[in-house]
Amino acid sequence: MRILIIVALFISTDSFGQWKDFIISVRGDTLNRVDMNGKKQGPWVIHVDELRGEQGYDEQGYFFDDKKDGKWTRFSLMGDKLAEENYKWGNLDGKSRYYTQRGGLMREESWRAIEPGKKFDTVAVLDVLDPTKVVDHVIVKVEGQTMKHGTWTYYDPEWGTITKTENWWVDKLRADDGSPIGGTGADELQPIGFSSSKSDSVAKKTMVKPQAVLDFEKKNAGKKKVKVRDGSTGN
């Protein structure tokens, strides 16, 4: 029996030896681990006290190489759930939900995290009438570490009814038909990498004719070639 106890203590000490710092929960779990390189790893519980009128909170989730990863849940100091957030590369990614202290859902957000070091990202363009259908993929320039992407839904926390929805595409607010709000946004939807010559040729092909020219062509459609005076001299 004494040998078994010594072996158990040796295994326990060896497992803790890989951590520079940690705490032991009331259930015996190893939490708030910091590895030998000073990076947070594994399950963490973070406590924030109330300060200058700002409510305190507790939150729990996982760290991977010092960055939040996966699902994180935030609670009030009274134990009421305030938020559920998802992280990737330490930034918001996917769905996030926020609640009142009485448990009513207030808002559901949608985020897209940017892989560290990337300046461009390939983003799917979804069918406006069928959001499950991908109609195209475009390459967009990204700024920052995360961007609003997808549907944001606002609720009446008491009744649970939807009060407002917003559609975001790579940090740009869009109307229900998919068009950008506050501008044409044509450049935003074009894949990056077009050469200037190709862009010029596309512009020429899509150039809109003046209304006077359209009326003239309609009036003379089907007739013999009409001679038009263009001001030139000679034969």
C-alpha atoms as a PDB file:
ATOM      1  CA  MET A   1       0.000   0.000   0.000  1.00  0.00           C
ATOM      2  CA  ARG A   2       2.831   2.376   0.860  1.00  0.00           C
ATOM      3  CA  ILE A   3       4.407   1.717  -2.551  1.00  0.00           C
ATOM      4  CA  LEU A   4       1.105   2.534  -4.334  1.00  0.00           C
ATOM      5  CA  ILE A   5       0.815   5.846  -2.452  1.00  0.00           C
ATOM      6  CA  ILE A   6       4.382   6.788  -3.372  1.00  0.00           C
ATOM      7  CA  VAL A   7       3.728   5.951  -7.052  1.00  0.00           C
ATOM      8  CA  ALA A   8       0.515   8.016  -7.036  1.00  0.00           C
ATOM      9  CA  LEU A   9       2.309  10.999  -5.534  1.00  0.00           C
ATOM     10  CA  PHE A  10       5.065  10.676  -8.122  1.00  0.00           C
ATOM     11  CA  ILE A  11       2.583  10.644 -11.024  1.00  0.00           C
ATOM     12  CA  SER A  12       0.719  13.650  -9.586  1.00  0.00           C
ATOM     13  CA  THR A  13       3.912  15.657  -9.106  1.00  0.00           C
ATOM     14  CA  ASP A  14       5.111  14.754 -12.600  1.00  0.00           C
ATOM     15  CA  SER A  15       1.833  15.890 -14.214  1.00  0.00           C
ATOM     16  CA  PHE A  16       1.996  19.247 -12.415  1.00  0.00           C
ATOM     17  CA  GLY A  17       5.636  19.648 -13.329  1.00  0.00           C
ATOM     18  CA  GLN A  18       4.782  20.711 -16.882  1.00  0.00           C
ATOM     19  CA  TRP A  19       2.974  23.814 -15.624  1.00  0.00           C
ATOM     20  CA  LYS A  20       4.633  27.002 -14.477  1.00  0.00           C
ATOM     21  CA  ASP A  21       1.476  27.981 -12.594  1.00  0.00           C
ATOM     22  CA  PHE A  22      -1.992  26.531 -11.971  1.00  0.00           C
ATOM     23  CA  ILE A  23      -4.800  26.230  -9.422  1.00  0.00           C
ATOM     24  CA  ILE A  24      -6.727  23.215  -8.183  1.00  0.00           C
ATOM     25  CA  SER A  25     -10.537  23.400  -8.193  1.00  0.00           C
ATOM     26  CA  VAL A  26     -12.725  22.058  -5.392  1.00  0.00           C
ATOM     27  CA  ARG A  27     -13.273  18.977  -7.569  1.00  0.00           C
ATOM     28  CA  GLY A  28      -9.560  18.431  -7.986  1.00  0.00           C
ATOM     29  CA  ASP A  29      -9.337  19.718 -11.563  1.00  0.00           C
ATOM     30  CA  THR A  30      -6.232  21.571 -12.705  1.00  0.00           C
ATOM     31  CA  LEU A  31      -7.315  25.039 -13.833  1.00  0.00           C
ATOM     32  CA  ASN A  32      -5.712  28.284 -14.980  1.00  0.00           C
ATOM     33  CA  ARG A  33      -2.667  26.499 -16.311  1.00  0.00           C
ATOM     34  CA  VAL A  34       0.346  28.457 -17.485  1.00  0.00           C
ATOM     35  CA  ASP A  35       2.991  26.464 -19.362  1.00  0.00           C
ATOM     36  CA  MET A  36       6.738  26.860 -19.097  1.00  0.00           C
ATOM     37  CA  ASN A  37       6.657  29.461 -21.890  1.00  0.00           C
ATOM     38  CA  GLY A  38       4.234  31.634 -19.936  1.00  0.00           C
ATOM     39  CA  LYS A  39       1.227  30.814 -22.151  1.00  0.00           C
ATOM     40  CA  LYS A  40      -2.264  30.037 -20.847  1.00  0.00           C
ATOM     41  CA  GLN A  41      -3.406  26.511 -21.714  1.00  0.00           C
ATOM     42  CA  GLY A  42      -6.525  24.428 -21.108  1.00  0.00           C
ATOM     43  CA  PRO A  43      -9.538  25.236 -18.886  1.00  0.00           C
ATOM     44  CA  TRP A  44      -9.613  28.646 -17.226  1.00  0.00           C
ATOM     45  CA  VAL A  45     -11.894  30.509 -14.843  1.00  0.00           C
ATOM     46  CA  ILE A  46     -11.531  34.306 -14.808  1.00  0.00           C
ATOM     47  CA  HIS A  47     -12.955  36.525 -12.054  1.00  0.00           C
ATOM     48  CA  VAL A  48     -13.436  40.272 -12.509  1.00  0.00           C
ATOM     49  CA  ASP A  49     -14.539  42.396  -9.548  1.00  0.00           C
ATOM     50  CA  GLU A  50     -16.994  45.273  -9.820  1.00  0.00           C
ATOM     51  CA  LEU A  51     -15.130  48.516 -10.467  1.00  0.00           C
ATOM     52  CA  ARG A  52     -16.272  52.149 -10.803  1.00  0.00           C
ATOM     53  CA  GLY A  53     -19.880  51.212 -11.527  1.00  0.00           C
ATOM     54  CA  GLU A  54     -18.952  48.467 -14.001  1.00  0.00           C
ATOM     55  CA  GLN A  55     -20.499  45.139 -13.048  1.00  0.00           C
ATOM     56  CA  GLY A  56     -18.123  42.357 -12.193  1.00  0.00           C
ATOM     57  CA  TYR A  57     -18.378  38.892 -13.718  1.00  0.00           C
ATOM     58  CA  ASP A  58     -16.939  35.394 -13.903  1.00  0.00           C
ATOM     59  CA  GLU A  59     -16.194  33.640 -17.170  1.00  0.00           C
ATOM     60  CA  GLN A  60     -14.988  30.172 -18.052  1.00  0.00           C
ATOM     61  CA  GLY A  61     -13.617  28.521 -21.145  1.00  0.00           C
ATOM     62  CA  TYR A  62     -10.423  27.225 -22.751  1.00  0.00           C
ATOM     63  CA  PHE A  63      -7.139  28.760 -23.795  1.00  0.00           C
ATOM     64  CA  PHE A  64      -4.860  27.425 -26.492  1.00  0.00           C
ATOM     65  CA  ASP A  65      -1.397  28.985 -26.699  1.00  0.00           C
ATOM     66  CA  ASP A  66      -2.531  32.051 -24.732  1.00  0.00           C
ATOM     67  CA  LYS A  67      -5.606  32.654 -26.942  1.00  0.00           C
ATOM     68  CA  LYS A  68      -9.260  32.013 -26.163  1.00  0.00           C
ATOM     69  CA  ASP A  69     -10.508  28.987 -28.078  1.00  0.00           C
ATOM     70  CA  GLY A  70     -13.987  27.505 -28.444  1.00  0.00           C
ATOM     71  CA  LYS A  71     -16.963  28.308 -26.256  1.00  0.00           C
ATOM     72  CA  TRP A  72     -16.702  30.809 -23.390  1.00  0.00           C
ATOM     73  CA  THR A  73     -19.536  31.513 -20.944  1.00  0.00           C
ATOM     74  CA  ARG A  74     -19.872  34.640 -18.792  1.00  0.00           C
ATOM     75  CA  PHE A  75     -21.849  34.881 -15.539  1.00  0.00           C
ATOM     76  CA  SER A  76     -22.792  37.703 -13.228  1.00  0.00           C
ATOM     77  CA  LEU A  77     -21.325  37.607  -9.735  1.00  0.00           C
ATOM     78  CA  MET A  78     -24.737  36.285  -8.644  1.00  0.00           C
ATOM     79  CA  GLY A  79     -24.396  33.326 -11.002  1.00  0.00           C
ATOM     80  CA  ASP A  80     -26.751  34.491 -13.797  1.00  0.00           C
ATOM     81  CA  LYS A  81     -25.611  33.672 -17.328  1.00  0.00           C
ATOM     82  CA  LEU A  82     -24.831  36.854 -19.262  1.00  0.00           C
ATOM     83  CA  ALA A  83     -23.164  35.677 -22.462  1.00  0.00           C
ATOM     84  CA  GLU A  84     -22.094  32.725 -24.585  1.00  0.00           C
ATOM     85  CA  GLU A  85     -19.277  33.510 -27.004  1.00  0.00           C
ATOM     86  CA  ASN A  86     -17.232  31.425 -29.423  1.00  0.00           C
ATOM     87  CA  TYR A  87     -13.593  32.123 -30.198  1.00  0.00           C
ATOM     88  CA  LYS A  88     -11.004  31.122 -32.778  1.00  0.00           C
ATOM     89  CA  TRP A  89      -7.389  32.325 -32.761  1.00  0.00           C
ATOM     90  CA  GLY A  90      -8.346  34.407 -29.723  1.00  0.00           C
ATOM     91  CA  ASN A  91     -11.072  36.356 -31.557  1.00  0.00           C
ATOM     92  CA  LEU A  92     -14.853  36.160 -31.782  1.00  0.00           C
ATOM     93  CA  ASP A  93     -15.969  33.581 -34.348  1.00  0.00           C
ATOM     94  CA  GLY A  94     -19.406  32.144 -35.051  1.00  0.00           C
ATOM     95  CA  LYS A  95     -22.451  32.816 -32.880  1.00  0.00           C
ATOM     96  CA  SER A  96     -22.449  34.906 -29.704  1.00  0.00           C
ATOM     97  CA  ARG A  97     -25.502  35.274 -27.474  1.00  0.00           C
ATOM     98  CA  TYR A  98     -26.162  37.870 -24.764  1.00  0.00           C
ATOM     99  CA  TYR A  99     -28.724  37.675 -21.967  1.00  0.00           C
ATOM    100  CA  THR A 100     -30.293  39.861 -19.296  1.00  0.00           C
ATOM    101  CA  GLN A 101     -29.721  38.974 -15.655  1.00  0.00           C
ATOM    102  CA  ARG A 102     -33.205  37.507 -15.668  1.00  0.00           C
ATOM    103  CA  GLY A 103     -32.239  35.090 -18.429  1.00  0.00           C
ATOM    104  CA  GLY A 104     -33.930  36.788 -21.381  1.00  0.00           C
ATOM    105  CA  LEU A 105     -32.095  36.584 -24.716  1.00  0.00           C
ATOM    106  CA  MET A 106     -31.299  40.113 -25.901  1.00  0.00           C
ATOM    107  CA  ARG A 107     -29.090  39.664 -28.952  1.00  0.00           C
ATOM    108  CA  GLU A 108     -27.489  37.038 -31.172  1.00  0.00           C
ATOM    109  CA  GLU A 109     -24.407  38.084 -33.134  1.00  0.00           C
ATOM    110  CA  SER A 110     -22.452  36.406 -35.926  1.00  0.00           C
ATOM    111  CA  TRP A 111     -18.681  36.867 -36.312  1.00  0.00           C
ATOM    112  CA  ARG A 112     -15.860  35.640 -38.531  1.00  0.00           C
ATOM    113  CA  ALA A 113     -12.362  35.458 -37.042  1.00  0.00           C
ATOM    114  CA  ILE A 114      -9.341  36.236 -39.202  1.00  0.00           C
ATOM    115  CA  GLU A 115      -6.390  33.891 -39.137  1.00  0.00           C
ATOM    116  CA  PRO A 116      -3.377  35.766 -37.715  1.00  0.00           C
ATOM    117  CA  GLY A 117      -1.091  37.124 -40.403  1.00  0.00           C
ATOM    118  CA  LYS A 118      -3.650  36.930 -43.215  1.00  0.00           C
ATOM    119  CA  LYS A 119      -4.342  40.095 -45.218  1.00  0.00           C
ATOM    120  CA  PHE A 120      -6.907  38.499 -47.528  1.00  0.00           C
ATOM    121  CA  ASP A 121      -9.711  36.036 -46.942  1.00  0.00           C
ATOM    122  CA  THR A 122     -11.921  33.953 -49.223  1.00  0.00           C
ATOM    123  CA  VAL A 123     -15.564  34.525 -48.338  1.00  0.00           C
ATOM    124  CA  ALA A 124     -18.638  32.747 -49.664  1.00  0.00           C
ATOM    125  CA  VAL A 125     -21.435  34.780 -51.253  1.00  0.00           C
ATOM    126  CA  LEU A 126     -24.794  33.279 -50.285  1.00  0.00           C
ATOM    127  CA  ASP A 127     -28.041  33.328 -52.223  1.00  0.00           C
ATOM    128  CA  VAL A 128     -30.273  36.046 -50.749  1.00  0.00           C
ATOM    129  CA  LEU A 129     -33.393  33.886 -51.132  1.00  0.00           C
ATOM    130  CA  ASP A 130     -31.677  30.704 -49.925  1.00  0.00           C
ATOM    131  CA  PRO A 131     -28.903  31.393 -47.375  1.00  0.00           C
ATOM    132  CA  THR A 132     -27.878  27.716 -47.467  1.00  0.00           C
ATOM    133  CA  LYS A 133     -26.844  28.044 -51.126  1.00  0.00           C
ATOM    134  CA  VAL A 134     -23.397  29.405 -52.051  1.00  0.00           C
ATOM    135  CA  VAL A 135     -23.454  31.290 -55.368  1.00  0.00           C
ATOM    136  CA  ASP A 136     -19.863  32.518 -55.496  1.00  0.00           C
ATOM    137  CA  HIS A 137     -16.595  32.946 -53.603  1.00  0.00           C
ATOM    138  CA  VAL A 138     -14.695  36.217 -53.512  1.00  0.00           C
ATOM    139  CA  ILE A 139     -11.348  37.286 -52.102  1.00  0.00           C
ATOM    140  CA  VAL A 140     -11.573  40.297 -49.827  1.00  0.00           C
ATOM    141  CA  LYS A 141      -8.994  42.399 -48.050  1.00  0.00           C
ATOM    142  CA  VAL A 142      -9.378  42.156 -44.298  1.00  0.00           C
ATOM    143  CA  GLU A 143      -8.526  44.574 -41.520  1.00  0.00           C
ATOM    144  CA  GLY A 144      -8.471  43.794 -37.828  1.00  0.00           C
ATOM    145  CA  GLN A 145      -8.804  40.407 -36.155  1.00  0.00           C
ATOM    146  CA  THR A 146     -12.518  39.682 -36.514  1.00  0.00           C
ATOM    147  CA  MET A 147     -15.436  41.020 -38.528  1.00  0.00           C
ATOM    148  CA  LYS A 148     -19.211  41.058 -38.402  1.00  0.00           C
ATOM    149  CA  HIS A 149     -20.392  38.404 -40.837  1.00  0.00           C
ATOM    150  CA  GLY A 150     -23.846  36.872 -40.968  1.00  0.00           C
ATOM    151  CA  THR A 151     -27.204  37.664 -39.395  1.00  0.00           C
ATOM    152  CA  TRP A 152     -27.518  39.671 -36.193  1.00  0.00           C
ATOM    153  CA  THR A 153     -30.842  39.212 -34.416  1.00  0.00           C
ATOM    154  CA  TYR A 154     -32.245  41.457 -31.667  1.00  0.00           C
ATOM    155  CA  TYR A 155     -34.944  40.196 -29.297  1.00  0.00           C
ATOM    156  CA  ASP A 156     -37.436  41.513 -26.814  1.00  0.00           C
ATOM    157  CA  PRO A 157     -35.921  39.759 -23.756  1.00  0.00           C
ATOM    158  CA  GLU A 158     -39.275  39.585 -21.977  1.00  0.00           C
ATOM    159  CA  TRP A 159     -41.379  38.097 -24.763  1.00  0.00           C
ATOM    160  CA  GLY A 160     -38.665  36.433 -26.856  1.00  0.00           C
ATOM    161  CA  THR A 161     -39.913  38.037 -30.070  1.00  0.00           C
ATOM    162  CA  ILE A 162     -37.563  39.383 -32.740  1.00  0.00           C
ATOM    163  CA  THR A 163     -37.452  43.167 -32.831  1.00  0.00           C
ATOM    164  CA  LYS A 164     -34.797  43.700 -35.503  1.00  0.00           C
ATOM    165  CA  THR A 165     -32.417  41.808 -37.777  1.00  0.00           C
ATOM    166  CA  GLU A 166     -29.248  42.952 -39.524  1.00  0.00           C
ATOM    167  CA  ASN A 167     -27.360  41.233 -42.332  1.00  0.00           C
ATOM    168  CA  TRP A 168     -23.599  41.699 -42.299  1.00  0.00           C
ATOM    169  CA  TRP A 169     -21.101  40.688 -44.970  1.00  0.00           C
ATOM    170  CA  VAL A 170     -17.396  41.134 -44.133  1.00  0.00           C
ATOM    171  CA  ASP A 171     -18.128  44.023 -41.742  1.00  0.00           C
ATOM    172  CA  LYS A 172     -20.504  45.775 -44.196  1.00  0.00           C
ATOM    173  CA  LEU A 173     -24.177  46.177 -43.362  1.00  0.00           C
ATOM    174  CA  ARG A 174     -26.406  44.971 -46.204  1.00  0.00           C
ATOM    175  CA  ALA A 175     -30.076  45.297 -47.092  1.00  0.00           C
ATOM    176  CA  ASP A 176     -32.460  42.351 -47.237  1.00  0.00           C
ATOM    177  CA  ASP A 177     -31.830  41.949 -50.967  1.00  0.00           C
ATOM    178  CA  GLY A 178     -28.077  41.672 -50.378  1.00  0.00           C
ATOM    179  CA  SER A 179     -27.201  45.160 -51.619  1.00  0.00           C
ATOM    180  CA  PRO A 180     -24.897  47.290 -49.446  1.00  0.00           C
ATOM    181  CA  ILE A 181     -26.361  50.080 -47.329  1.00  0.00           C
ATOM    182  CA  GLY A 182     -24.840  53.503 -47.932  1.00  0.00           C
ATOM    183  CA  GLY A 183     -23.153  52.851 -51.286  1.00  0.00           C
ATOM    184  CA  THR A 184     -22.931  50.674 -54.383  1.00  0.00           C
ATOM    185  CA  GLY A 185     -20.276  48.406 -52.938  1.00  0.00           C
ATOM    186  CA  ALA A 186     -19.338  47.093 -56.388  1.00  0.00           C
ATOM    187  CA  ASP A 187     -15.646  47.096 -55.585  1.00  0.00           C
ATOM    188  CA  GLU A 188     -16.257  45.230 -52.338  1.00  0.00           C
ATOM    189  CA  LEU A 189     -17.874  42.298 -54.129  1.00  0.00           C
ATOM    190  CA  GLN A 190     -15.277  41.948 -56.870  1.00  0.00           C
ATOM    191  CA  PRO A 191     -12.535  39.358 -56.397  1.00  0.00           C
ATOM    192  CA  ILE A 192      -9.223  41.107 -55.768  1.00  0.00           C
ATOM    193  CA  GLY A 193      -6.543  40.618 -58.403  1.00  0.00           C
ATOM    194  CA  PHE A 194      -8.109  42.070 -61.556  1.00  0.00           C
ATOM    195  CA  SER A 195      -5.548  43.769 -63.797  1.00  0.00           C
ATOM    196  CA  SER A 196      -6.262  47.328 -64.885  1.00  0.00           C
ATOM    197  CA  SER A 197      -6.588  46.276 -68.543  1.00  0.00           C
ATOM    198  CA  LYS A 198      -9.189  43.667 -67.679  1.00  0.00           C
ATOM    199  CA  SER A 199     -11.055  46.118 -65.488  1.00  0.00           C
ATOM    200  CA  ASP A 200     -11.050  48.650 -68.344  1.00  0.00           C
ATOM    201  CA  SER A 201     -12.408  46.101 -70.819  1.00  0.00           C
ATOM    202  CA  VAL A 202     -15.147  45.077 -68.391  1.00  0.00           C
ATOM    203  CA  ALA A 203     -16.053  48.719 -67.876  1.00  0.00           C
ATOM    204  CA  LYS A 204     -16.316  49.269 -71.647  1.00  0.00           C
ATOM    205  CA  LYS A 205     -18.547  46.240 -72.091  1.00  0.00           C
ATOM    206  CA  THR A 206     -20.870  47.363 -69.313  1.00  0.00           C
ATOM    207  CA  MET A 207     -20.914  51.071 -70.288  1.00  0.00           C
ATOM    208  CA  VAL A 208     -24.476  52.425 -70.277  1.00  0.00           C
ATOM    209  CA  LYS A 209     -25.576  54.224 -73.442  1.00  0.00           C
ATOM    210  CA  PRO A 210     -27.200  57.672 -73.143  1.00  0.00           C
ATOM    211  CA  GLN A 211     -31.007  57.702 -73.379  1.00  0.00           C
ATOM    212  CA  ALA A 212     -30.880  59.741 -76.617  1.00  0.00           C
ATOM    213  CA  VAL A 213     -28.815  57.032 -78.313  1.00  0.00           C
ATOM    214  CA  LEU A 214     -31.183  54.314 -77.102  1.00  0.00           C
ATOM    215  CA  ASP A 215     -34.207  56.252 -78.452  1.00  0.00           C
ATOM    216  CA  PHE A 216     -32.489  56.756 -81.810  1.00  0.00           C
ATOM    217  CA  GLU A 217     -31.602  53.062 -82.165  1.00  0.00           C
ATOM    218  CA  LYS A 218     -35.150  52.034 -81.231  1.00  0.00           C
ATOM    219  CA  LYS A 219     -36.689  54.439 -83.724  1.00  0.00           C
ATOM    220  CA  ASN A 220     -34.524  53.199 -86.594  1.00  0.00           C
ATOM    221  CA  ALA A 221     -34.483  49.513 -85.710  1.00  0.00           C
ATOM    222  CA  GLY A 222     -35.081  47.361 -88.788  1.00  0.00           C
ATOM    223  CA  LYS A 223     -34.552  50.242 -91.233  1.00  0.00           C
ATOM    224  CA  LYS A 224     -31.771  50.629 -93.751  1.00  0.00           C
ATOM    225  CA  LYS A 225     -28.589  52.209 -92.540  1.00  0.00           C
ATOM    226  CA  VAL A 226     -29.275  55.814 -91.681  1.00  0.00           C
ATOM    227  CA  LYS A 227     -26.643  58.341 -92.624  1.00  0.00           C
ATOM    228  CA  VAL A 228     -25.794  60.515 -89.698  1.00  0.00           C
ATOM    229  CA  ARG A 229     -23.952  63.788 -89.927  1.00  0.00           C
ATOM    230  CA  ASP A 230     -21.030  63.611 -87.541  1.00  0.00           C
ATOM    231  CA  GLY A 231     -19.336  66.877 -88.501  1.00  0.00           C
ATOM    232  CA  SER A 232     -16.495  65.273 -90.478  1.00  0.00           C
ATOM    233  CA  THR A 233     -15.351  66.740 -93.808  1.00  0.00           C
ATOM    234  CA  GLY A 234     -14.348  65.127 -97.067  1.00  0.00           C
ATOM    235  CA  ASN A 235     -16.017  62.468 -99.214  1.00  0.00           C
END
